Amino acid sequence: MIGQAGLKPDSQALDVAAGTGEPGLIAAAKVSEGSVTITDLSENMLTVAREKAAAAGLENVRT
């Protein structure tokens, strides 16, 4: 799915109902000059997504 999205290094992406961050974190790794916004109804899931982004060194992820 990510490969089909046509993401470029400066793309902006939105991951709705992201759970713990996949595939948004994969997208964030591909858009090094852009950003990815991850949303989910569960704050606990977003906490895990933020932790995973930090562990991967992804500074372009927003929740």
N, C-alpha and C. Protein backbone atom coordinates (compact mmCIF):
# COMPACT_ATOMS: atom_id res chain seq x y z
N MET A 1 0.81 -1.18 0.00
CA MET A 1 0.00 0.00 0.00
C MET A 1 0.87 1.26 0.00
N ILE A 2 1.90 1.30 0.82
CA ILE A 2 2.76 2.49 0.88
C ILE A 2 3.45 2.71 -0.46
N GLY A 3 3.89 1.65 -1.09
CA GLY A 3 4.54 1.77 -2.39
C GLY A 3 3.64 2.35 -3.45
N GLN A 4 2.35 2.14 -3.34
CA GLN A 4 1.39 2.65 -4.30
C GLN A 4 0.99 4.10 -4.04
N ALA A 5 1.37 4.63 -2.90
CA ALA A 5 0.93 5.98 -2.51
C ALA A 5 1.66 7.09 -3.25
N GLY A 6 2.76 6.79 -3.89
CA GLY A 6 3.51 7.83 -4.62
C GLY A 6 4.14 8.87 -3.72
N LEU A 7 4.55 8.46 -2.55
CA LEU A 7 5.14 9.41 -1.61
C LEU A 7 6.50 9.90 -2.11
N LYS A 8 6.72 11.19 -1.92
CA LYS A 8 8.00 11.82 -2.26
C LYS A 8 8.64 12.28 -0.95
N PRO A 9 9.93 12.60 -0.97
CA PRO A 9 10.60 13.00 0.28
C PRO A 9 9.92 14.17 1.01
N ASP A 10 9.23 15.05 0.26
CA ASP A 10 8.60 16.20 0.90
C ASP A 10 7.08 16.06 1.04
N SER A 11 6.56 14.85 0.90
CA SER A 11 5.12 14.62 0.99
C SER A 11 4.60 14.82 2.41
N GLN A 12 3.32 15.12 2.49
CA GLN A 12 2.59 15.17 3.75
C GLN A 12 1.59 14.02 3.69
N ALA A 13 1.45 13.25 4.77
CA ALA A 13 0.54 12.11 4.77
C ALA A 13 -0.27 12.09 6.05
N LEU A 14 -1.44 11.47 5.95
CA LEU A 14 -2.34 11.32 7.09
C LEU A 14 -2.68 9.85 7.24
N ASP A 15 -2.47 9.30 8.43
CA ASP A 15 -2.83 7.92 8.74
C ASP A 15 -3.98 7.96 9.73
N VAL A 16 -5.19 7.64 9.25
CA VAL A 16 -6.40 7.69 10.07
C VAL A 16 -6.64 6.30 10.67
N ALA A 17 -7.04 6.28 11.93
CA ALA A 17 -7.26 5.02 12.65
C ALA A 17 -5.97 4.20 12.63
N ALA A 18 -4.88 4.85 13.01
CA ALA A 18 -3.53 4.29 12.87
C ALA A 18 -3.19 3.21 13.89
N GLY A 19 -3.93 3.13 14.95
CA GLY A 19 -3.54 2.16 15.98
C GLY A 19 -2.19 2.54 16.55
N THR A 20 -1.24 1.62 16.51
CA THR A 20 0.08 1.89 17.07
C THR A 20 1.06 2.46 16.04
N GLY A 21 0.55 2.88 14.89
CA GLY A 21 1.39 3.63 13.97
C GLY A 21 1.66 3.07 12.60
N GLU A 22 1.35 1.80 12.37
CA GLU A 22 1.59 1.25 11.03
C GLU A 22 0.35 1.45 10.19
N PRO A 23 0.45 1.89 8.97
CA PRO A 23 1.64 2.08 8.16
C PRO A 23 2.22 3.49 8.21
N GLY A 24 1.69 4.34 9.07
CA GLY A 24 2.17 5.72 9.14
C GLY A 24 3.65 5.85 9.42
N LEU A 25 4.19 4.99 10.27
CA LEU A 25 5.62 5.07 10.58
C LEU A 25 6.47 4.66 9.39
N ILE A 26 5.99 3.71 8.61
CA ILE A 26 6.70 3.33 7.38
C ILE A 26 6.70 4.51 6.42
N ALA A 27 5.55 5.18 6.31
CA ALA A 27 5.46 6.37 5.44
C ALA A 27 6.41 7.46 5.93
N ALA A 28 6.48 7.66 7.24
CA ALA A 28 7.35 8.71 7.80
C ALA A 28 8.81 8.48 7.43
N ALA A 29 9.21 7.22 7.39
CA ALA A 29 10.60 6.92 7.02
C ALA A 29 10.87 7.28 5.56
N LYS A 30 9.84 7.29 4.74
CA LYS A 30 10.01 7.59 3.31
C LYS A 30 9.91 9.08 3.00
N VAL A 31 9.29 9.86 3.89
CA VAL A 31 9.09 11.29 3.64
C VAL A 31 9.97 12.11 4.59
N SER A 32 11.25 11.94 4.45
CA SER A 32 12.22 12.55 5.37
C SER A 32 12.12 14.06 5.46
N GLU A 33 11.69 14.72 4.40
CA GLU A 33 11.55 16.18 4.41
C GLU A 33 10.10 16.61 4.62
N GLY A 34 9.19 15.65 4.66
CA GLY A 34 7.77 15.92 4.85
C GLY A 34 7.36 15.52 6.25
N SER A 35 6.08 15.17 6.39
CA SER A 35 5.61 14.74 7.69
C SER A 35 4.42 13.80 7.54
N VAL A 36 4.16 13.08 8.62
CA VAL A 36 3.01 12.19 8.69
C VAL A 36 2.26 12.50 9.97
N THR A 37 0.96 12.69 9.84
CA THR A 37 0.10 12.88 10.99
C THR A 37 -0.64 11.57 11.23
N ILE A 38 -0.53 11.07 12.43
CA ILE A 38 -1.17 9.81 12.82
C ILE A 38 -2.31 10.13 13.77
N THR A 39 -3.49 9.58 13.47
CA THR A 39 -4.66 9.78 14.33
C THR A 39 -5.24 8.44 14.75
N ASP A 40 -5.85 8.44 15.92
CA ASP A 40 -6.57 7.27 16.40
C ASP A 40 -7.46 7.73 17.54
N LEU A 41 -8.56 7.04 17.76
CA LEU A 41 -9.45 7.39 18.86
C LEU A 41 -8.85 7.03 20.22
N SER A 42 -7.94 6.09 20.23
CA SER A 42 -7.34 5.63 21.49
C SER A 42 -6.04 6.37 21.79
N GLU A 43 -6.04 7.11 22.87
CA GLU A 43 -4.82 7.82 23.28
C GLU A 43 -3.71 6.83 23.61
N ASN A 44 -4.08 5.67 24.15
CA ASN A 44 -3.06 4.65 24.46
C ASN A 44 -2.35 4.18 23.19
N MET A 45 -3.10 3.98 22.12
CA MET A 45 -2.50 3.57 20.85
C MET A 45 -1.56 4.66 20.33
N LEU A 46 -1.98 5.91 20.46
CA LEU A 46 -1.13 7.02 20.00
C LEU A 46 0.14 7.13 20.84
N THR A 47 0.06 6.83 22.11
CA THR A 47 1.24 6.82 22.96
C THR A 47 2.25 5.80 22.45
N VAL A 48 1.76 4.61 22.12
CA VAL A 48 2.64 3.58 21.57
C VAL A 48 3.24 4.04 20.24
N ALA A 49 2.43 4.66 19.40
CA ALA A 49 2.92 5.17 18.11
C ALA A 49 4.03 6.20 18.31
N ARG A 50 3.83 7.11 19.27
CA ARG A 50 4.87 8.12 19.55
C ARG A 50 6.15 7.46 20.04
N GLU A 51 6.01 6.46 20.90
CA GLU A 51 7.19 5.74 21.41
C GLU A 51 7.93 5.03 20.28
N LYS A 52 7.17 4.40 19.38
CA LYS A 52 7.78 3.70 18.25
C LYS A 52 8.48 4.69 17.31
N ALA A 53 7.87 5.85 17.09
CA ALA A 53 8.48 6.87 16.24
C ALA A 53 9.78 7.36 16.86
N ALA A 54 9.77 7.61 18.16
CA ALA A 54 10.98 8.07 18.85
C ALA A 54 12.07 7.01 18.78
N ALA A 55 11.71 5.76 19.01
CA ALA A 55 12.70 4.68 18.97
C ALA A 55 13.31 4.53 17.59
N ALA A 56 12.54 4.85 16.56
CA ALA A 56 13.03 4.75 15.18
C ALA A 56 13.73 6.03 14.73
N GLY A 57 13.76 7.05 15.58
CA GLY A 57 14.40 8.32 15.23
C GLY A 57 13.60 9.13 14.23
N LEU A 58 12.29 8.91 14.17
CA LEU A 58 11.44 9.65 13.23
C LEU A 58 10.94 10.92 13.92
N GLU A 59 11.43 12.04 13.46
CA GLU A 59 11.05 13.33 14.05
C GLU A 59 9.96 14.03 13.26
N ASN A 60 9.47 13.39 12.21
CA ASN A 60 8.48 14.01 11.32
C ASN A 60 7.09 13.40 11.51
N VAL A 61 6.85 12.80 12.67
CA VAL A 61 5.56 12.19 12.98
C VAL A 61 4.83 13.05 13.98
N ARG A 62 3.57 13.36 13.67
CA ARG A 62 2.72 14.12 14.59
C ARG A 62 1.53 13.26 14.98
N THR A 63 1.04 13.45 16.18
CA THR A 63 -0.16 12.74 16.62
C THR A 63 -1.18 13.74 17.11
